[in-house]
C-alpha atoms as a PDB file:
ATOM      1  CA  MET A   1     -15.067 -13.526   4.849  1.00  0.00           C
ATOM      2  CA  SER A   2     -14.569 -12.124   8.322  1.00  0.00           C
ATOM      3  CA  THR A   3     -17.432 -11.210  10.658  1.00  0.00           C
ATOM      4  CA  HIS A   4     -16.560  -7.538  10.178  1.00  0.00           C
ATOM      5  CA  GLU A   5     -16.693  -7.843   6.373  1.00  0.00           C
ATOM      6  CA  PHE A   6     -19.997  -9.704   6.602  1.00  0.00           C
ATOM      7  CA  GLU A   7     -21.485  -6.979   8.809  1.00  0.00           C
ATOM      8  CA  ASN A   8     -20.239  -4.259   6.441  1.00  0.00           C
ATOM      9  CA  LYS A   9     -21.903  -5.993   3.502  1.00  0.00           C
ATOM     10  CA  VAL A  10     -25.158  -6.286   5.459  1.00  0.00           C
ATOM     11  CA  ARG A  11     -24.978  -2.570   6.337  1.00  0.00           C
ATOM     12  CA  ARG A  12     -24.346  -1.679   2.684  1.00  0.00           C
ATOM     13  CA  LEU A  13     -27.237  -3.890   1.599  1.00  0.00           C
ATOM     14  CA  LYS A  14     -29.604  -2.256   4.112  1.00  0.00           C
ATOM     15  CA  SER A  15     -28.492   1.185   2.968  1.00  0.00           C
ATOM     16  CA  LEU A  16     -29.137   0.328  -0.681  1.00  0.00           C
ATOM     17  CA  LYS A  17     -32.517  -1.240   0.164  1.00  0.00           C
ATOM     18  CA  ASN A  18     -33.548   1.947   1.997  1.00  0.00           C
ATOM     19  CA  ARG A  19     -32.552   4.041  -1.026  1.00  0.00           C
ATOM     20  CA  GLN A  20     -34.433   1.625  -3.266  1.00  0.00           C
ATOM     21  CA  GLU A  21     -37.602   2.069  -1.168  1.00  0.00           C
ATOM     22  CA  SER A  22     -37.240   5.845  -1.345  1.00  0.00           C
ATOM     23  CA  LEU A  23     -36.754   5.728  -5.116  1.00  0.00           C
ATOM     24  CA  GLN A  24     -39.710   3.365  -5.485  1.00  0.00           C
ATOM     25  CA  GLN A  25     -41.936   5.842  -3.636  1.00  0.00           C
ATOM     26  CA  GLU A  26     -40.847   8.603  -6.020  1.00  0.00           C
ATOM     27  CA  ILE A  27     -41.406   6.332  -9.031  1.00  0.00           C
ATOM     28  CA  ASP A  28     -44.880   5.401  -7.778  1.00  0.00           C
ATOM     29  CA  GLN A  29     -45.794   9.058  -7.232  1.00  0.00           C
ATOM     30  CA  LEU A  30     -44.645  10.084 -10.721  1.00  0.00           C
ATOM     31  CA  GLN A  31     -46.556   7.202 -12.291  1.00  0.00           C
ATOM     32  CA  ASP A  32     -49.679   8.104 -10.311  1.00  0.00           C
ATOM     33  CA  ASP A  33     -49.391  11.725 -11.464  1.00  0.00           C
ATOM     34  CA  LEU A  34     -48.989  10.706 -15.113  1.00  0.00           C
ATOM     35  CA  MET A  35     -51.851   8.195 -14.954  1.00  0.00           C
ATOM     36  CA  HIS A  36     -54.107  10.782 -13.310  1.00  0.00           C
ATOM     37  CA  GLN A  37     -53.275  13.314 -16.038  1.00  0.00           C
ATOM     38  CA  MET A  38     -53.999  10.764 -18.761  1.00  0.00           C
ATOM     39  CA  ASP A  39     -57.289   9.855 -17.059  1.00  0.00           C
ATOM     40  CA  MET A  40     -58.279  13.512 -16.921  1.00  0.00           C
ATOM     41  CA  MET A  41     -57.517  13.842 -20.642  1.00  0.00           C
ATOM     42  CA  GLN A  42     -59.174  10.487 -21.403  1.00  0.00           C
ATOM     43  CA  ALA A  43     -56.022   9.501 -23.274  1.00  0.00           C
ATOM     44  CA  GLU A  44     -54.757   5.948 -23.591  1.00  0.00           C
ATOM     45  CA  GLU A  45     -51.595   7.040 -25.356  1.00  0.00           C
ATOM     46  CA  MET A  46     -49.520  10.220 -25.320  1.00  0.00           C
ATOM     47  CA  GLN A  47     -46.281  11.371 -26.853  1.00  0.00           C
ATOM     48  CA  ALA A  48     -43.780  13.144 -24.581  1.00  0.00           C
ATOM     49  CA  GLY A  49     -40.763  14.105 -26.657  1.00  0.00           C
ATOM     50  CA  PRO A  50     -39.105  10.842 -27.667  1.00  0.00           C
ATOM     51  CA  PHE A  51     -41.280   8.854 -25.245  1.00  0.00           C
ATOM     52  CA  ARG A  52     -44.616   7.182 -25.928  1.00  0.00           C
ATOM     53  CA  VAL A  53     -46.675   6.716 -22.769  1.00  0.00           C
ATOM     54  CA  THR A  54     -49.580   4.276 -22.722  1.00  0.00           C
ATOM     55  CA  PHE A  55     -52.213   3.675 -20.059  1.00  0.00           C
ATOM     56  CA  LYS A  56     -54.627   1.117 -21.465  1.00  0.00           C
ATOM     57  CA  TRP A  57     -57.160  -1.325 -20.123  1.00  0.00           C
ATOM     58  CA  ILE A  58     -56.006  -4.932 -20.373  1.00  0.00           C
ATOM     59  CA  ASP A  59     -58.438  -7.838 -20.211  1.00  0.00           C
ATOM     60  CA  SER A  60     -57.084 -11.087 -18.844  1.00  0.00           C
ATOM     61  CA  THR A  61     -58.314 -14.379 -17.527  1.00  0.00           C
ATOM     62  CA  ARG A  62     -56.953 -16.127 -14.477  1.00  0.00           C
ATOM     63  CA  PHE A  63     -57.700 -19.431 -12.850  1.00  0.00           C
ATOM     64  CA  ASP A  64     -59.688 -19.088  -9.617  1.00  0.00           C
ATOM     65  CA  ASP A  65     -57.933 -21.766  -7.581  1.00  0.00           C
ATOM     66  CA  GLU A  66     -59.815 -20.954  -4.364  1.00  0.00           C
ATOM     67  CA  ARG A  67     -63.172 -21.524  -5.994  1.00  0.00           C
ATOM     68  CA  PHE A  68     -61.886 -24.645  -7.735  1.00  0.00           C
ATOM     69  CA  ARG A  69     -60.618 -25.990  -4.398  1.00  0.00           C
ATOM     70  CA  ASP A  70     -64.004 -25.287  -2.794  1.00  0.00           C
ATOM     71  CA  ASP A  71     -65.903 -26.965  -5.638  1.00  0.00           C
ATOM     72  CA  HIS A  72     -63.479 -29.843  -6.396  1.00  0.00           C
ATOM     73  CA  ASP A  73     -61.354 -30.476  -3.328  1.00  0.00           C
ATOM     74  CA  MET A  74     -60.149 -33.957  -4.363  1.00  0.00           C
ATOM     75  CA  LEU A  75     -59.017 -32.791  -7.811  1.00  0.00           C
ATOM     76  CA  TYR A  76     -57.334 -29.769  -6.267  1.00  0.00           C
ATOM     77  CA  LYS A  77     -55.371 -31.999  -3.873  1.00  0.00           C
ATOM     78  CA  LEU A  78     -54.528 -34.417  -6.660  1.00  0.00           C
ATOM     79  CA  TYR A  79     -52.984 -31.693  -8.848  1.00  0.00           C
ATOM     80  CA  SER A  80     -51.485 -29.519  -6.130  1.00  0.00           C
ATOM     81  CA  VAL A  81     -47.708 -29.438  -6.059  1.00  0.00           C
ATOM     82  CA  ARG A  82     -45.770 -28.523  -2.958  1.00  0.00           C
ATOM     83  CA  ASN A  83     -42.566 -26.571  -3.367  1.00  0.00           C
ATOM     84  CA  SER A  84     -39.819 -25.395  -1.070  1.00  0.00           C
ATOM     85  CA  TYR A  85     -37.486 -22.457  -1.324  1.00  0.00           C
ATOM     86  CA  ARG A  86     -35.115 -20.445   0.786  1.00  0.00           C
ATOM     87  CA  LYS A  87     -35.966 -16.873   1.636  1.00  0.00           C
ATOM     88  CA  PHE A  88     -33.242 -14.327   2.267  1.00  0.00           C
ATOM     89  CA  ALA A  89     -34.069 -11.424   4.594  1.00  0.00           C
ATOM     90  CA  VAL A  90     -32.219  -8.759   6.502  1.00  0.00           C
ATOM     91  CA  VAL A  91     -34.260  -7.349   9.371  1.00  0.00           C
END
């Protein structure tokens, strides 16, 4: 691949990423509007034509690794696993 082709692909990627960010903002706004409406109606589920929209509370449990590290530092170090990865970025 030539330098010119590489640059063109980077430009295309940046353009698509910018459009993606714009679309994500619109998606977030629509979701916020729908969630607000469902909150106002105190509805966890609604039908909208062929679509079923749900906005429910979910209970979950997660492991508090910071607190575990503070309370049991040696065990935390013993079971900690280091990993490496490559990060791709266009800035």
